[in-house]
Amino acid sequence: MSTFVLVAGGWRGGWTFAPIARALRGLGHEVFTPTLTGLGERVHLAYARPNLDTHIMDVANVLIYENLEDVILCGHSYAGMVVSGVADRLPEKIAALVYVDAFVPNDGEAWWDLAGDYFRKLAIDGSAEDGFGVTPPPGKDPRRVAHPLAAFRQAIRLTGRWQEIPEKMFIYASGWDGTPFTPTYERLKDDRGWIVKTLPTGHDVFGQAPADFLNFVQELRGVKAR
């Protein structure tokens, strides 16, 4: 069966994917849900001042040390930056990239460039007391912690090797005001190198449309059927 690696967006950790991971495992797939340095159960490492490069290595090392091949690598929101960097470093290990309402950066771009004025202001206003993190926006999940500011500010460096990935999917959630992902959707929707899906949901695709996500990824050629 297939191997999925699911990477959560800003402020969140691997627990975000617990229901989806159970569903995928129930279909016979192997699933990894790494939490990025400084977040979730790894919040004690925030003192190390992790940045985007740190987060890219967090996920790349899962692929390397777990000896994973033909990975379906999925990133939500901020994690689009992360999975892009991983794919650029290890394209030979990845069968498909799935961006779930996520940033698809070009070389030299940062989350800060792509997030738009509203979210940049949110990051500035939410600056943690130590100045090194961004406190979570209002929400019900008490497990969210400050996101490393350096990870939002650091520009990604891409060689272009990530474009070697055989399949690339972008899932666009159109049902929330102020989404910063509309320009990405407009750029990719007619690109024959991409599979583009749309959902009339909010940003929390996994919580609001888990069945749709499962159906979408099972359409990928790189996903092996039971």
Protein backbone atom coordinates (compact mmCIF):
# COMPACT_ATOMS: atom_id res chain seq x y z
CA MET A 1 0.00 0.00 0.00
CA SER A 2 0.99 3.67 -0.10
CA THR A 3 2.92 5.75 2.42
CA PHE A 4 1.47 9.11 3.42
CA VAL A 5 3.37 11.85 5.24
CA LEU A 6 1.01 14.58 6.48
CA VAL A 7 2.39 17.93 7.67
CA ALA A 8 0.25 20.39 9.63
CA GLY A 9 0.14 24.13 9.10
CA GLY A 10 0.99 26.98 11.45
CA TRP A 11 0.65 26.54 15.22
CA ARG A 12 -0.42 22.90 14.93
CA GLY A 13 1.13 19.45 15.22
CA GLY A 14 0.64 15.89 14.10
CA TRP A 15 -2.47 15.41 16.24
CA THR A 16 -4.36 17.49 13.65
CA PHE A 17 -4.46 14.45 11.38
CA ALA A 18 -5.56 11.79 13.88
CA PRO A 19 -8.97 11.05 12.26
CA ILE A 20 -7.58 11.17 8.70
CA ALA A 21 -4.61 9.01 9.69
CA ARG A 22 -6.96 6.40 11.18
CA ALA A 23 -9.03 6.40 8.00
CA LEU A 24 -5.97 6.01 5.77
CA ARG A 25 -4.60 3.21 7.93
CA GLY A 26 -7.99 1.56 7.77
CA LEU A 27 -7.57 1.53 3.99
CA GLY A 28 -4.25 -0.22 4.45
CA HIS A 29 -1.89 2.72 4.01
CA GLU A 30 1.10 3.64 6.17
CA VAL A 31 0.87 7.13 7.67
CA PHE A 32 3.39 9.46 9.34
CA THR A 33 2.31 12.74 10.96
CA PRO A 34 5.49 14.52 12.11
CA THR A 35 5.22 17.58 14.33
CA LEU A 36 7.57 20.41 13.41
CA THR A 37 10.25 21.66 15.79
CA GLY A 38 8.93 24.14 18.36
CA LEU A 39 5.30 23.07 18.03
CA GLY A 40 3.05 20.59 19.82
CA GLU A 41 4.95 17.94 21.76
CA ARG A 42 8.16 19.53 20.47
CA VAL A 43 7.38 22.95 21.97
CA HIS A 44 10.31 22.51 24.37
CA LEU A 45 12.62 22.94 21.36
CA ALA A 46 11.33 26.43 20.60
CA TYR A 47 14.36 27.81 22.45
CA ALA A 48 16.50 26.61 19.51
CA ARG A 49 14.83 29.30 17.34
CA PRO A 50 13.73 26.98 14.51
CA ASN A 51 13.18 28.42 11.04
CA LEU A 52 11.85 27.14 7.71
CA ASP A 53 15.04 25.19 7.03
CA THR A 54 14.61 23.43 10.39
CA HIS A 55 11.06 22.42 9.49
CA ILE A 56 12.13 21.18 6.07
CA MET A 57 14.77 18.99 7.71
CA ASP A 58 12.24 17.72 10.27
CA VAL A 59 10.22 16.15 7.47
CA ALA A 60 13.13 15.25 5.19
CA ASN A 61 14.67 13.27 8.04
CA VAL A 62 11.47 11.27 8.47
CA LEU A 63 11.76 10.17 4.84
CA ILE A 64 15.47 9.45 5.19
CA TYR A 65 15.59 7.67 8.55
CA GLU A 66 12.34 5.75 8.09
CA ASN A 67 13.69 4.72 4.66
CA LEU A 68 10.48 5.80 2.93
CA GLU A 69 9.93 5.57 -0.82
CA ASP A 70 7.06 6.53 -3.15
CA VAL A 71 5.71 8.92 -0.53
CA ILE A 72 2.46 10.85 -0.88
CA LEU A 73 3.59 14.08 0.80
CA CYS A 74 0.77 16.36 1.97
CA GLY A 75 1.07 19.84 3.44
CA HIS A 76 -1.66 22.08 4.83
CA SER A 77 -1.45 25.89 4.80
CA TYR A 78 2.04 27.02 5.98
CA ALA A 79 3.27 23.46 5.46
CA GLY A 80 3.11 24.02 1.70
CA MET A 81 6.39 25.85 2.25
CA VAL A 82 7.79 22.84 4.08
CA VAL A 83 6.75 20.11 1.65
CA SER A 84 8.07 22.18 -1.26
CA GLY A 85 11.48 22.28 0.37
CA VAL A 86 11.41 18.57 1.16
CA ALA A 87 10.40 17.69 -2.39
CA ASP A 88 13.17 19.87 -3.80
CA ARG A 89 15.76 18.01 -1.71
CA LEU A 90 14.39 14.47 -2.07
CA PRO A 91 12.32 14.23 -5.26
CA GLU A 92 13.40 10.64 -5.78
CA LYS A 93 11.50 9.59 -2.63
CA ILE A 94 8.19 11.25 -3.49
CA ALA A 95 5.43 9.90 -5.75
CA ALA A 96 2.99 12.79 -5.28
CA LEU A 97 2.73 16.20 -3.65
CA VAL A 98 -0.60 17.35 -2.23
CA TYR A 99 -1.08 20.97 -1.21
CA VAL A 100 -4.20 21.26 0.95
CA ASP A 101 -5.21 24.93 0.88
CA ALA A 102 -1.49 25.56 1.12
CA PHE A 103 1.20 27.88 -0.18
CA VAL A 104 3.04 26.82 -3.34
CA PRO A 105 6.12 29.07 -3.24
CA ASN A 106 8.57 30.07 -5.91
CA ASP A 107 12.27 30.24 -5.15
CA GLY A 108 13.03 33.18 -2.87
CA GLU A 109 9.51 33.57 -1.47
CA ALA A 110 8.55 33.35 2.20
CA TRP A 111 5.25 32.78 3.98
CA TRP A 112 5.52 36.45 4.81
CA ASP A 113 5.40 37.37 1.12
CA LEU A 114 2.48 35.10 0.26
CA ALA A 115 0.22 35.42 3.29
CA GLY A 116 -1.09 38.91 2.44
CA ASP A 117 -1.56 42.06 4.51
CA TYR A 118 -4.25 40.64 6.82
CA PHE A 119 -2.19 37.67 7.95
CA ARG A 120 1.03 39.65 8.17
CA LYS A 121 -0.76 42.07 10.50
CA LEU A 122 -2.10 39.09 12.45
CA ALA A 123 1.47 37.86 12.86
CA ILE A 124 2.72 41.28 13.96
CA ASP A 125 -0.14 41.82 16.41
CA GLY A 126 0.27 38.29 17.72
CA SER A 127 3.97 38.57 18.43
CA ALA A 128 4.82 36.49 21.48
CA GLU A 129 6.36 38.14 24.53
CA ASP A 130 9.81 36.83 23.66
CA GLY A 131 9.61 38.30 20.16
CA PHE A 132 10.57 34.97 18.57
CA GLY A 133 7.11 33.49 18.09
CA VAL A 134 3.62 34.32 16.84
CA THR A 135 0.78 33.44 19.19
CA PRO A 136 -2.08 31.39 17.70
CA PRO A 137 -5.16 33.17 16.35
CA PRO A 138 -8.33 32.69 18.41
CA GLY A 139 -9.54 29.10 18.35
CA LYS A 140 -10.78 26.17 20.40
CA ASP A 141 -7.70 23.94 20.27
CA PRO A 142 -5.62 24.50 23.44
CA ARG A 143 -2.73 22.47 22.00
CA ARG A 144 -1.73 25.20 19.58
CA VAL A 145 1.36 27.14 20.62
CA ALA A 146 3.34 30.09 19.28
CA HIS A 147 4.70 29.47 15.80
CA PRO A 148 8.37 30.33 15.24
CA LEU A 149 8.47 33.75 13.60
CA ALA A 150 11.66 32.87 11.72
CA ALA A 151 9.78 30.09 9.91
CA PHE A 152 7.28 32.64 8.61
CA ARG A 153 9.96 35.13 7.62
CA GLN A 154 12.63 32.93 6.02
CA ALA A 155 12.63 32.74 2.21
CA ILE A 156 12.69 29.28 0.68
CA ARG A 157 15.50 28.22 -1.63
CA LEU A 158 14.44 25.91 -4.44
CA THR A 159 16.51 24.45 -7.26
CA GLY A 160 13.45 23.37 -9.22
CA ARG A 161 13.95 19.65 -8.58
CA TRP A 162 10.56 19.52 -6.82
CA GLN A 163 8.96 19.86 -10.24
CA GLU A 164 10.24 16.34 -11.04
CA ILE A 165 7.51 14.90 -8.78
CA PRO A 166 5.22 12.81 -11.03
CA GLU A 167 1.93 14.12 -9.59
CA LYS A 168 1.08 17.42 -7.95
CA MET A 169 -2.35 18.22 -6.53
CA PHE A 170 -3.69 21.51 -5.18
CA ILE A 171 -6.89 21.49 -3.09
CA TYR A 172 -8.49 24.93 -2.89
CA ALA A 173 -10.99 25.70 -0.12
CA SER A 174 -13.15 28.53 -1.46
CA GLY A 175 -15.55 28.91 1.46
CA TRP A 176 -13.73 31.35 3.71
CA ASP A 177 -13.31 35.10 3.53
CA GLY A 178 -9.86 36.52 3.06
CA THR A 179 -8.24 33.32 1.78
CA PRO A 180 -4.70 34.03 0.55
CA PHE A 181 -4.80 30.99 -1.72
CA THR A 182 -6.97 32.39 -4.52
CA PRO A 183 -3.95 33.63 -6.53
CA THR A 184 -2.42 30.15 -6.32
CA TYR A 185 -5.68 28.57 -7.48
CA GLU A 186 -5.90 30.99 -10.41
CA ARG A 187 -2.29 30.25 -11.36
CA LEU A 188 -2.63 26.48 -11.25
CA LYS A 189 -6.20 25.71 -12.34
CA ASP A 190 -5.33 25.56 -16.05
CA ASP A 191 -1.83 24.17 -15.61
CA ARG A 192 -1.76 20.67 -17.12
CA GLY A 193 1.03 19.70 -14.73
CA TRP A 194 -1.35 19.98 -11.78
CA ILE A 195 -4.52 18.30 -10.55
CA VAL A 196 -6.63 21.08 -9.04
CA LYS A 197 -9.64 20.38 -6.83
CA THR A 198 -12.02 22.83 -5.17
CA LEU A 199 -14.14 22.55 -2.04
CA PRO A 200 -16.72 25.04 -0.71
CA THR A 201 -15.33 24.73 2.81
CA GLY A 202 -13.34 26.79 5.23
CA HIS A 203 -9.59 26.43 5.69
CA ASP A 204 -9.94 23.36 7.93
CA VAL A 205 -10.35 20.93 5.05
CA PHE A 206 -9.50 17.89 7.19
CA GLY A 207 -12.14 18.75 9.77
CA GLN A 208 -14.85 19.92 7.39
CA ALA A 209 -14.40 17.63 4.38
CA PRO A 210 -12.41 14.52 5.37
CA ALA A 211 -14.26 12.23 2.95
CA ASP A 212 -13.54 14.58 0.06
CA PHE A 213 -9.85 14.66 0.94
CA LEU A 214 -9.72 10.86 1.05
CA ASN A 215 -11.50 10.61 -2.29
CA PHE A 216 -9.16 13.15 -3.90
CA VAL A 217 -5.92 11.49 -2.83
CA GLN A 218 -7.13 8.05 -3.84
CA GLU A 219 -7.46 9.38 -7.39
CA LEU A 220 -3.70 9.83 -7.58
CA ARG A 221 -1.90 7.30 -9.76
CA GLY A 222 0.79 7.03 -7.09
CA VAL A 223 -1.70 5.74 -4.50
CA LYS A 224 -1.73 1.96 -4.52
CA ALA A 225 -5.09 0.27 -4.14
CA ARG A 226 -5.66 -2.50 -1.62
